[in-house]
């Protein structure tokens, strides 16, 4: 009986760990219609963002055709992303969560410093993101992922 209890507890712990780690790969959406992918052929809302690990700010927004680099900045959110961009509508319902990777950390190598533990540091970053014109975007939230948990860093209210 005691072995059965130990096996049951062990199985439950493994199941919980698998389900909780897979939950981070789910991209939540509150919309009934599928999201139109942004392409370089179509015009999109392009936001020029700047920030660091403490927060983001919008420098400029335009409606134009996005570049390939701008489109690469918004990848589906995964466990490997240190930072994410949560997109909300006017009712503060999640439209999408995009993975940003770690745009605020620069990795550098230098000759004669190979034995060092750290090869980089945190910097200010400027980048652009593009969204489909039909999305009702009212808020952008910068999130930080740490050991599977998402923490809100700052929220930006967009002026329509």
N, C-alpha and C. Protein backbone atom coordinates (compact mmCIF):
# COMPACT_ATOMS: atom_id res chain seq x y z
N UNK A 1 0.82 -1.19 0.00
CA UNK A 1 0.00 0.00 0.00
C UNK A 1 0.87 1.26 0.00
N UNK A 2 1.95 1.22 0.77
CA UNK A 2 2.83 2.38 0.87
C UNK A 2 3.53 2.64 -0.46
N UNK A 3 3.93 1.61 -1.16
CA UNK A 3 4.58 1.77 -2.47
C UNK A 3 3.58 2.34 -3.46
N UNK A 4 2.35 1.90 -3.44
CA UNK A 4 1.31 2.43 -4.33
C UNK A 4 1.13 3.93 -4.11
N UNK A 5 1.12 4.36 -2.85
CA UNK A 5 0.97 5.78 -2.53
C UNK A 5 2.16 6.59 -3.05
N UNK A 6 3.36 6.07 -2.89
CA UNK A 6 4.57 6.76 -3.37
C UNK A 6 4.54 6.87 -4.89
N UNK A 7 4.18 5.79 -5.57
CA UNK A 7 4.11 5.81 -7.04
C UNK A 7 3.05 6.79 -7.52
N UNK A 8 1.91 6.83 -6.85
CA UNK A 8 0.84 7.76 -7.22
C UNK A 8 1.28 9.21 -7.06
N UNK A 9 1.91 9.52 -5.95
CA UNK A 9 2.40 10.89 -5.72
C UNK A 9 3.46 11.26 -6.75
N UNK A 10 4.38 10.36 -7.03
CA UNK A 10 5.42 10.60 -8.02
C UNK A 10 4.82 10.86 -9.40
N UNK A 11 3.82 10.06 -9.79
CA UNK A 11 3.16 10.24 -11.09
C UNK A 11 2.44 11.58 -11.15
N UNK A 12 1.78 11.96 -10.07
CA UNK A 12 1.07 13.24 -10.05
C UNK A 12 2.06 14.40 -10.18
N UNK A 13 3.20 14.32 -9.52
CA UNK A 13 4.21 15.38 -9.61
C UNK A 13 4.73 15.52 -11.03
N UNK A 14 5.01 14.40 -11.68
CA UNK A 14 5.50 14.44 -13.06
C UNK A 14 4.42 15.01 -13.98
N UNK A 15 3.18 14.58 -13.81
CA UNK A 15 2.09 15.09 -14.65
C UNK A 15 1.93 16.58 -14.47
N UNK A 16 1.98 17.06 -13.24
CA UNK A 16 1.84 18.50 -12.99
C UNK A 16 2.97 19.27 -13.65
N UNK A 17 4.19 18.77 -13.57
CA UNK A 17 5.34 19.44 -14.17
C UNK A 17 5.21 19.50 -15.69
N UNK A 18 4.76 18.42 -16.32
CA UNK A 18 4.60 18.39 -17.77
C UNK A 18 3.51 19.35 -18.21
N UNK A 19 2.37 19.34 -17.53
CA UNK A 19 1.27 20.22 -17.91
C UNK A 19 1.60 21.68 -17.67
N UNK A 20 2.30 22.00 -16.58
CA UNK A 20 2.62 23.40 -16.33
C UNK A 20 3.66 23.91 -17.30
N UNK A 21 4.62 23.08 -17.73
CA UNK A 21 5.62 23.55 -18.70
C UNK A 21 5.00 23.69 -20.08
N UNK A 22 4.05 22.86 -20.43
CA UNK A 22 3.38 22.99 -21.73
C UNK A 22 2.45 24.19 -21.77
N UNK A 23 1.95 24.61 -20.62
CA UNK A 23 1.03 25.74 -20.58
C UNK A 23 1.68 27.03 -21.06
N UNK A 24 2.99 27.15 -20.91
CA UNK A 24 3.66 28.36 -21.35
C UNK A 24 3.72 28.46 -22.87
N UNK A 25 3.60 27.35 -23.58
CA UNK A 25 3.65 27.37 -25.03
C UNK A 25 2.30 27.68 -25.66
N UNK A 26 1.26 27.72 -24.87
CA UNK A 26 -0.06 28.05 -25.40
C UNK A 26 -0.14 29.55 -25.59
N UNK A 27 -0.58 29.98 -26.75
CA UNK A 27 -0.73 31.40 -27.02
C UNK A 27 -2.20 31.73 -26.85
N UNK A 28 -2.54 32.41 -25.76
CA UNK A 28 -3.95 32.68 -25.51
C UNK A 28 -4.51 33.73 -26.47
N UNK A 29 -5.74 33.53 -26.84
CA UNK A 29 -6.41 34.51 -27.68
C UNK A 29 -7.88 34.55 -27.29
N UNK A 30 -8.45 35.73 -27.25
CA UNK A 30 -9.84 35.90 -26.87
C UNK A 30 -10.72 36.19 -28.09
N UNK A 31 -10.12 36.12 -29.26
CA UNK A 31 -10.84 36.48 -30.47
C UNK A 31 -11.52 35.25 -31.08
N UNK A 32 -12.69 35.45 -31.67
CA UNK A 32 -13.39 34.36 -32.34
C UNK A 32 -12.88 34.13 -33.76
N UNK A 33 -12.27 35.15 -34.34
CA UNK A 33 -11.77 35.00 -35.69
C UNK A 33 -10.27 34.73 -35.67
N UNK A 34 -9.76 33.99 -36.63
CA UNK A 34 -8.33 33.72 -36.65
C UNK A 34 -7.56 35.01 -36.96
N UNK A 35 -6.37 35.10 -36.40
CA UNK A 35 -5.55 36.28 -36.62
C UNK A 35 -4.92 36.22 -38.00
N UNK A 36 -4.99 37.33 -38.71
CA UNK A 36 -4.36 37.41 -40.02
C UNK A 36 -2.87 37.60 -39.84
N UNK A 37 -2.07 36.78 -40.50
CA UNK A 37 -0.63 36.98 -40.38
C UNK A 37 -0.21 38.26 -41.10
N UNK A 38 0.77 38.91 -40.55
CA UNK A 38 1.30 40.12 -41.16
C UNK A 38 2.33 39.69 -42.19
N UNK A 39 2.30 40.32 -43.36
CA UNK A 39 3.28 40.00 -44.39
C UNK A 39 3.89 41.27 -44.93
N UNK A 40 4.99 41.12 -45.66
CA UNK A 40 5.67 42.30 -46.20
C UNK A 40 4.91 42.92 -47.36
N UNK A 41 3.91 42.20 -47.88
CA UNK A 41 3.11 42.74 -48.99
C UNK A 41 1.99 43.64 -48.50
N UNK A 42 1.53 43.45 -47.27
CA UNK A 42 0.39 44.21 -46.74
C UNK A 42 0.84 45.27 -45.76
N UNK A 43 0.09 46.35 -45.71
CA UNK A 43 0.38 47.39 -44.72
C UNK A 43 0.00 46.88 -43.34
N UNK A 44 0.70 47.40 -42.34
CA UNK A 44 0.48 46.98 -40.96
C UNK A 44 0.72 48.16 -40.03
N UNK A 45 0.28 48.01 -38.77
CA UNK A 45 0.60 48.98 -37.73
C UNK A 45 2.01 48.64 -37.24
N UNK A 46 2.92 49.58 -37.40
CA UNK A 46 4.30 49.35 -36.99
C UNK A 46 4.62 50.29 -35.83
N UNK A 47 5.07 49.70 -34.72
CA UNK A 47 5.44 50.46 -33.54
C UNK A 47 6.95 50.41 -33.37
N UNK A 48 7.57 51.58 -33.23
CA UNK A 48 8.99 51.67 -32.89
C UNK A 48 9.08 51.73 -31.38
N UNK A 49 9.70 50.72 -30.78
CA UNK A 49 9.80 50.61 -29.33
C UNK A 49 11.24 50.77 -28.89
N UNK A 50 11.42 51.31 -27.72
CA UNK A 50 12.74 51.34 -27.11
C UNK A 50 12.56 51.03 -25.63
N UNK A 51 13.59 50.46 -25.05
CA UNK A 51 13.48 50.13 -23.65
C UNK A 51 14.65 49.33 -23.16
N UNK A 52 14.50 48.84 -21.96
CA UNK A 52 15.48 47.97 -21.34
C UNK A 52 14.73 46.99 -20.44
N UNK A 53 15.46 46.28 -19.60
CA UNK A 53 14.80 45.26 -18.79
C UNK A 53 13.85 45.85 -17.75
N UNK A 54 13.83 47.17 -17.62
CA UNK A 54 12.92 47.83 -16.68
C UNK A 54 11.62 48.30 -17.32
N UNK A 55 11.56 48.31 -18.67
CA UNK A 55 10.32 48.73 -19.31
C UNK A 55 10.51 49.18 -20.74
N UNK A 56 9.37 49.35 -21.42
CA UNK A 56 9.33 49.78 -22.82
C UNK A 56 8.62 51.11 -22.95
N UNK A 57 8.90 51.80 -24.05
CA UNK A 57 8.12 52.98 -24.41
C UNK A 57 8.00 53.00 -25.93
N UNK A 58 6.93 53.62 -26.42
CA UNK A 58 6.71 53.74 -27.85
C UNK A 58 7.30 55.06 -28.33
N UNK A 59 8.16 55.00 -29.31
CA UNK A 59 8.75 56.21 -29.89
C UNK A 59 7.89 56.75 -31.01
N UNK A 60 7.34 55.84 -31.82
CA UNK A 60 6.59 56.26 -33.00
C UNK A 60 5.73 55.10 -33.48
N UNK A 61 4.60 55.42 -34.09
CA UNK A 61 3.79 54.38 -34.74
C UNK A 61 3.39 54.87 -36.12
N UNK A 62 3.45 53.97 -37.08
CA UNK A 62 3.10 54.31 -38.47
C UNK A 62 2.33 53.15 -39.08
N UNK A 63 1.65 53.43 -40.16
CA UNK A 63 1.02 52.39 -40.96
C UNK A 63 1.81 52.31 -42.26
N UNK A 64 2.47 51.17 -42.45
CA UNK A 64 3.34 50.98 -43.62
C UNK A 64 3.56 49.49 -43.83
N UNK A 65 4.29 49.17 -44.88
CA UNK A 65 4.66 47.78 -45.12
C UNK A 65 5.86 47.44 -44.24
N UNK A 66 5.78 46.35 -43.47
CA UNK A 66 6.87 46.01 -42.55
C UNK A 66 8.05 45.36 -43.28
N UNK A 67 9.21 45.47 -42.68
CA UNK A 67 10.40 44.80 -43.21
C UNK A 67 10.46 43.38 -42.66
N UNK A 68 11.34 42.57 -43.22
CA UNK A 68 11.52 41.20 -42.72
C UNK A 68 12.00 41.20 -41.28
N UNK A 69 12.88 42.13 -40.94
CA UNK A 69 13.39 42.23 -39.56
C UNK A 69 12.27 42.54 -38.58
N UNK A 70 11.39 43.44 -38.96
CA UNK A 70 10.27 43.79 -38.09
C UNK A 70 9.36 42.58 -37.86
N UNK A 71 9.13 41.79 -38.90
CA UNK A 71 8.28 40.61 -38.77
C UNK A 71 8.94 39.54 -37.90
N UNK A 72 10.25 39.43 -37.95
CA UNK A 72 10.96 38.43 -37.15
C UNK A 72 10.92 38.75 -35.66
N UNK A 73 10.68 40.01 -35.30
CA UNK A 73 10.65 40.39 -33.89
C UNK A 73 9.46 39.80 -33.14
N UNK A 74 8.42 39.40 -33.85
CA UNK A 74 7.24 38.84 -33.19
C UNK A 74 7.10 37.36 -33.53
N UNK A 75 7.68 36.54 -32.72
CA UNK A 75 7.60 35.10 -32.88
C UNK A 75 6.65 34.54 -31.82
N UNK A 76 6.10 33.37 -32.04
CA UNK A 76 5.24 32.77 -31.00
C UNK A 76 6.01 32.61 -29.68
N UNK A 77 5.35 32.84 -28.59
CA UNK A 77 5.95 32.78 -27.26
C UNK A 77 6.35 31.36 -26.92
N UNK A 78 7.54 31.17 -26.36
CA UNK A 78 8.00 29.84 -25.95
C UNK A 78 8.74 29.93 -24.62
N UNK A 79 9.13 28.79 -24.10
CA UNK A 79 9.86 28.74 -22.83
C UNK A 79 11.23 29.37 -22.93
N UNK A 80 11.78 29.46 -24.14
CA UNK A 80 13.12 30.02 -24.31
C UNK A 80 13.14 31.55 -24.26
N UNK A 81 11.99 32.19 -24.40
CA UNK A 81 11.93 33.65 -24.40
C UNK A 81 12.08 34.20 -22.98
N UNK A 82 13.00 35.11 -22.81
CA UNK A 82 13.17 35.78 -21.53
C UNK A 82 12.12 36.87 -21.37
N UNK A 83 11.77 37.53 -22.49
CA UNK A 83 10.78 38.61 -22.47
C UNK A 83 9.68 38.32 -23.48
N UNK A 84 8.50 38.83 -23.20
CA UNK A 84 7.35 38.64 -24.09
C UNK A 84 6.57 39.94 -24.17
N UNK A 85 5.82 40.07 -25.24
CA UNK A 85 4.97 41.24 -25.45
C UNK A 85 3.52 40.75 -25.50
N UNK A 86 2.75 41.16 -24.52
CA UNK A 86 1.33 40.78 -24.44
C UNK A 86 0.51 41.89 -25.07
N UNK A 87 -0.36 41.51 -25.99
CA UNK A 87 -1.19 42.46 -26.72
C UNK A 87 -2.63 42.31 -26.23
N UNK A 88 -3.23 43.44 -25.77
CA UNK A 88 -4.57 43.43 -25.22
C UNK A 88 -5.48 44.33 -26.03
N UNK A 89 -6.78 44.00 -26.03
CA UNK A 89 -7.76 44.86 -26.69
C UNK A 89 -8.28 45.91 -25.69
N UNK A 90 -9.29 46.66 -26.09
CA UNK A 90 -9.83 47.74 -25.25
C UNK A 90 -10.40 47.24 -23.93
N UNK A 91 -10.94 46.01 -23.93
CA UNK A 91 -11.51 45.42 -22.72
C UNK A 91 -10.46 44.73 -21.86
N UNK A 92 -9.20 44.90 -22.22
CA UNK A 92 -8.06 44.27 -21.54
C UNK A 92 -8.11 42.75 -21.63
N UNK A 93 -8.61 42.25 -22.74
CA UNK A 93 -8.57 40.82 -23.01
C UNK A 93 -7.38 40.53 -23.91
N UNK A 94 -6.72 39.43 -23.65
CA UNK A 94 -5.52 39.08 -24.38
C UNK A 94 -5.84 38.72 -25.82
N UNK A 95 -5.17 39.40 -26.74
CA UNK A 95 -5.27 39.05 -28.15
C UNK A 95 -4.19 38.02 -28.48
N UNK A 96 -2.97 38.28 -28.01
CA UNK A 96 -1.85 37.40 -28.33
C UNK A 96 -0.69 37.70 -27.40
N UNK A 97 0.17 36.72 -27.19
CA UNK A 97 1.43 36.92 -26.49
C UNK A 97 2.54 36.52 -27.46
N UNK A 98 3.46 37.44 -27.70
CA UNK A 98 4.57 37.20 -28.61
C UNK A 98 5.86 37.08 -27.82
N UNK A 99 6.74 36.20 -28.27
CA UNK A 99 8.05 36.06 -27.65
C UNK A 99 9.02 37.06 -28.25
N UNK A 100 9.80 37.69 -27.40
CA UNK A 100 10.80 38.66 -27.86
C UNK A 100 12.22 38.13 -27.73
N UNK A 101 12.40 36.96 -27.15
CA UNK A 101 13.75 36.47 -26.88
C UNK A 101 14.31 37.25 -25.70
N UNK A 102 15.53 37.77 -25.86
CA UNK A 102 16.14 38.61 -24.85
C UNK A 102 16.80 39.80 -25.54
N UNK A 103 16.00 40.78 -26.00
CA UNK A 103 16.56 41.88 -26.78
C UNK A 103 17.39 42.86 -25.96
N UNK A 104 17.35 42.76 -24.65
CA UNK A 104 18.04 43.72 -23.80
C UNK A 104 19.39 43.21 -23.30
N UNK A 105 19.80 42.04 -23.75
CA UNK A 105 21.08 41.48 -23.33
C UNK A 105 21.97 41.34 -24.54
N UNK A 106 23.17 41.88 -24.46
CA UNK A 106 24.12 41.76 -25.55
C UNK A 106 25.21 40.78 -25.14
N UNK A 107 25.50 39.87 -26.03
CA UNK A 107 26.50 38.84 -25.79
C UNK A 107 27.73 39.18 -26.62
N UNK A 108 28.87 39.26 -25.97
CA UNK A 108 30.10 39.60 -26.67
C UNK A 108 31.22 38.68 -26.22
N UNK A 109 32.11 38.38 -27.13
CA UNK A 109 33.29 37.59 -26.80
C UNK A 109 34.51 38.42 -27.14
N UNK A 110 35.53 38.25 -26.34
CA UNK A 110 36.73 39.03 -26.56
C UNK A 110 37.93 38.11 -26.35
N UNK A 111 38.92 38.28 -27.18
CA UNK A 111 40.13 37.48 -27.06
C UNK A 111 40.76 37.74 -25.70
N UNK A 112 41.25 36.67 -25.09
CA UNK A 112 41.88 36.67 -23.77
C UNK A 112 40.90 36.79 -22.62
N UNK A 113 39.60 36.77 -22.88
CA UNK A 113 38.61 36.80 -21.82
C UNK A 113 37.75 35.53 -21.84
N UNK A 114 38.23 34.48 -22.50
CA UNK A 114 37.45 33.25 -22.64
C UNK A 114 37.19 32.57 -21.30
N UNK A 115 38.06 32.79 -20.32
CA UNK A 115 37.89 32.14 -19.02
C UNK A 115 36.92 32.88 -18.11
N UNK A 116 36.37 33.99 -18.56
CA UNK A 116 35.41 34.76 -17.76
C UNK A 116 34.06 34.06 -17.73
N UNK A 117 33.34 34.26 -16.64
CA UNK A 117 32.02 33.65 -16.50
C UNK A 117 30.97 34.39 -17.31
N UNK A 118 31.09 35.71 -17.42
CA UNK A 118 30.09 36.51 -18.11
C UNK A 118 30.68 37.13 -19.37
N UNK A 119 29.93 37.09 -20.44
CA UNK A 119 30.37 37.63 -21.73
C UNK A 119 29.40 38.68 -22.25
N UNK A 120 28.77 39.44 -21.41
CA UNK A 120 27.82 40.41 -21.90
C UNK A 120 27.20 41.20 -20.78
N UNK A 121 26.16 41.93 -21.14
CA UNK A 121 25.46 42.73 -20.16
C UNK A 121 24.17 43.27 -20.73
N UNK A 122 23.39 43.89 -19.87
CA UNK A 122 22.11 44.44 -20.29
C UNK A 122 22.30 45.82 -20.89
N UNK A 123 21.56 46.09 -21.96
CA UNK A 123 21.66 47.34 -22.71
C UNK A 123 20.26 47.87 -23.03
N UNK A 124 20.19 49.11 -23.49
CA UNK A 124 18.95 49.65 -24.04
C UNK A 124 18.82 49.13 -25.46
N UNK A 125 17.61 48.82 -25.86
CA UNK A 125 17.38 48.27 -27.19
C UNK A 125 16.28 49.05 -27.91
N UNK A 126 16.44 49.20 -29.22
CA UNK A 126 15.41 49.79 -30.08
C UNK A 126 15.01 48.72 -31.08
N UNK A 127 13.71 48.51 -31.25
CA UNK A 127 13.24 47.55 -32.24
C UNK A 127 11.83 47.92 -32.67
N UNK A 128 11.40 47.30 -33.76
CA UNK A 128 10.06 47.56 -34.30
C UNK A 128 9.26 46.27 -34.28
N UNK A 129 7.95 46.42 -34.07
CA UNK A 129 7.01 45.30 -34.14
C UNK A 129 5.85 45.70 -35.04
N UNK A 130 5.30 44.73 -35.75
CA UNK A 130 4.20 45.00 -36.68
C UNK A 130 3.00 44.14 -36.34
N UNK A 131 1.81 44.75 -36.45
CA UNK A 131 0.56 44.06 -36.19
C UNK A 131 -0.39 44.29 -37.35
N UNK A 132 -1.24 43.33 -37.59
CA UNK A 132 -2.25 43.44 -38.64
C UNK A 132 -3.16 44.64 -38.37
N UNK A 133 -3.60 45.30 -39.44
CA UNK A 133 -4.45 46.49 -39.30
C UNK A 133 -5.80 46.18 -38.67
N UNK A 134 -6.29 44.95 -38.81
CA UNK A 134 -7.61 44.63 -38.28
C UNK A 134 -7.62 44.29 -36.79
N UNK A 135 -6.46 44.26 -36.15
CA UNK A 135 -6.41 43.98 -34.72
C UNK A 135 -6.80 45.22 -33.92
N UNK A 136 -7.61 45.02 -32.90
CA UNK A 136 -8.02 46.10 -32.00
C UNK A 136 -7.03 46.14 -30.83
N UNK A 137 -5.89 46.76 -31.05
CA UNK A 137 -4.84 46.80 -30.04
C UNK A 137 -4.98 48.09 -29.22
N UNK A 138 -5.12 47.93 -27.91
CA UNK A 138 -5.22 49.10 -27.03
C UNK A 138 -4.12 49.15 -25.98
N UNK A 139 -3.52 47.99 -25.67
CA UNK A 139 -2.47 47.93 -24.66
C UNK A 139 -1.36 47.00 -25.11
N UNK A 140 -0.13 47.36 -24.77
CA UNK A 140 1.03 46.49 -24.92
C UNK A 140 1.64 46.33 -23.53
N UNK A 141 1.94 45.09 -23.16
CA UNK A 141 2.51 44.82 -21.85
C UNK A 141 3.81 44.04 -22.05
N UNK A 142 4.88 44.54 -21.44
CA UNK A 142 6.15 43.83 -21.46
C UNK A 142 6.15 42.85 -20.29
N UNK A 143 6.43 41.59 -20.58
CA UNK A 143 6.47 40.54 -19.57
C UNK A 143 7.88 39.96 -19.49
N UNK A 144 8.27 39.53 -18.31
CA UNK A 144 9.53 38.83 -18.12
C UNK A 144 9.22 37.41 -17.65
N UNK A 145 9.87 36.45 -18.27
CA UNK A 145 9.68 35.05 -17.87
C UNK A 145 10.87 34.63 -17.01
N UNK A 146 10.56 34.09 -15.85
CA UNK A 146 11.60 33.64 -14.95
C UNK A 146 11.17 32.33 -14.32
N UNK A 147 11.86 31.26 -14.65
CA UNK A 147 11.57 29.92 -14.14
C UNK A 147 10.11 29.53 -14.37
N UNK A 148 9.59 29.83 -15.54
CA UNK A 148 8.25 29.42 -15.91
C UNK A 148 7.15 30.36 -15.48
N UNK A 149 7.46 31.42 -14.78
CA UNK A 149 6.45 32.38 -14.34
C UNK A 149 6.61 33.67 -15.11
N UNK A 150 5.47 34.28 -15.46
CA UNK A 150 5.49 35.55 -16.17
C UNK A 150 5.22 36.69 -15.19
N UNK A 151 6.05 37.72 -15.28
CA UNK A 151 5.91 38.89 -14.42
C UNK A 151 5.74 40.12 -15.31
N UNK A 152 4.74 40.93 -15.01
CA UNK A 152 4.50 42.15 -15.78
C UNK A 152 5.51 43.20 -15.38
N UNK A 153 6.17 43.78 -16.39
CA UNK A 153 7.16 44.84 -16.14
C UNK A 153 6.50 46.20 -16.30
N UNK A 154 5.90 46.46 -17.47
CA UNK A 154 5.17 47.71 -17.63
C UNK A 154 4.09 47.56 -18.68
N UNK A 155 3.12 48.46 -18.61
CA UNK A 155 1.97 48.47 -19.50
C UNK A 155 1.94 49.80 -20.24
N UNK A 156 1.67 49.74 -21.55
CA UNK A 156 1.58 50.93 -22.37
C UNK A 156 0.17 51.01 -22.93
N UNK A 157 -0.51 52.11 -22.68
CA UNK A 157 -1.84 52.35 -23.25
C UNK A 157 -1.65 53.05 -24.58
N UNK A 158 -2.20 52.48 -25.64
CA UNK A 158 -2.09 53.07 -26.96
C UNK A 158 -3.20 54.08 -27.19
N UNK A 159 -2.85 55.18 -27.79
CA UNK A 159 -3.83 56.22 -28.10
C UNK A 159 -4.34 55.97 -29.50
N UNK A 160 -5.63 55.75 -29.63
CA UNK A 160 -6.21 55.45 -30.95
C UNK A 160 -6.65 56.70 -31.67
